[in-house]
Amino acid sequence: MSGKPSENKLPPLVDSHAHLDDPRFAEDLEAVLERAAEVGIVNILTVGGNLEGSRAAVALAERYPQVFAAVGIHPHDAKFADAAAFSELEELARSHPKVTAIGETGLDFFYDLSPRDVQERVFREQLRMARRLHLPVIIHDRDAHDEIHRVLVEESAGKPYRGVLHCFSGDREFARRCLDLGFYLSFAGPLTYPKNEELRAVVAETPAERLLVETDCPYLAPQKHRGQRNEPAFVRITAEKVAKLKQLSMEDISRITCRNAERLFGIGESATEAAIAYTIRDALYLNITNRCSNACVFCAKFQDYTVKGHYLKLDHEPSAAEVKAAIGDPRRFAEVVFCGYGEPLLRLELVKEIGAWLKGKGGRVRVNTDGQANLVHGRDILPELEGLIDAVSVSLNAHDAATYLKITRSPFGPRAFEAVQDFIREAKRRIPSVTASVVTYPGVDIEAARRLVEELGVQFRVRHYQETR
């Protein structure tokens, strides 16, 4: 069985949590894997829940090229764990290159099949094992959100984790706490259940760079197959729901979640060359510089140069010829946006040249900017953009000058906030569509910012803080 996706070219996906050793797959595992391959499931992480299951997971990973393994002791089986079990578990992880994680481990206070103090002890031991082996950890959490968080904080020693809360079931507050510790969040079939509105709200607010999808098969089949045996092919249904909630395309979710699986588990291969032009939804974005006139505290590039699955750390600033070659025919896209991991108007002459070229080819052009270009260039640059761009989005980011300076760390000091407002006022005269955006960063008064934008007379957009990180 090759595990190669079929020729239908569906966007590839990774099932980041399955239990292929379950007896319910014993009779037709080959067919299950074939069905997964036919719908573009390129890799599957099969997860152990005890020693027997961990051994089986390793054996499956050795047998099938598209399958990888995690080894661990589930809280249900914590009561059976002893020193010999931990020793064998660690040896499995050390000796098999396709073991990519420790888990699943954690706490389950719904079934309580092992005493709670024993669950916690076994959980802590596996967290420490994962750190020793430099492997991510896969965490099971059921009705134990506060206790899980407490243990994680106590065991972290102030260091961020590599790991995932699998089949996430908490609320937005618990999600934020897990994200703050460095975890990924993985979503399974319950995301599609009619009553799970809070879970869908969690997905909407979770940063794309921390999302994974899974089946947890044979359990928790999506609504369409509820009551049936779940299997890896069904992860596409969950991914489609994630795409809808994030207002992204399936190509976006494929790229994002595959890259996240590669970054967390080392499964698959992601592009390492920076993109000059990259797609999100039906728009093309242009990454022309990584330099910025501000140094915003929430900017994700201080941690990572990945945006919606695209790697954007440039090794050089591209020429106009390189940018044109990367764009191709702009009419393929709803709009072309100057918005990489930097401030595009630092390269004003390039923006003007490419903007004129795009307009000549019938493209729609937008610039995303911090609104500091007039300070940078020492003149009002907006007349130079008139007729070349259709829309501009300006990062206002705050409701007053003190908050703005604290958040953006602008080199222009106290005058920066007023300069951004002046930029917006002038842009309204020169450019057909102007939007001012504000990030839901702690300390920002969103309603005060909304009133300010209404006074400026332009459109207002709120960006979630987590989605900027």
Foldseek 3Di string as FASTA:
>chain_A
DQLAADPPPAQAAEAEEAACVDPVNVPPVVVLSVLQRPNHHRAYEHEAAFQVSQVVLLVVCVVYVRYAYEEEHELLCLVVDDPVRLVVRLVSCVPRPRHQEHDDAEDAPPVCNDPRVSSLVRRLSSQVSCVVSVHAYEYEDHPCLVVRLVSCVVSQPPAAGQYEDEQDDDAQVSLVSNVVSPAAYEHEQVLQDPVPPRVLVNLLQAALLRYAYHHHWLPRQHPVQPPGGHGNNRSVVVLVSSCVSNVWDSNLSSLSRVLSCCVRRVRDDADPAAAQWDDTHQEIEGQQDLAAQWDFPLACVVPAQDASNGRHDHPDGDDLVVNCVSCDQQVSGQAYEHDGNYAVCVVVVSLLVVLVVQVVRVHAYEYEHQQCNCVVVVHLCLVSCFPSHAEYEHELAALAQVVVCVRGVRPVPSCRNVSSLVSLLVNVVRHNAYEYEYEPDPPGDVVSNVVVVVVSPHHYYYDYSNNND
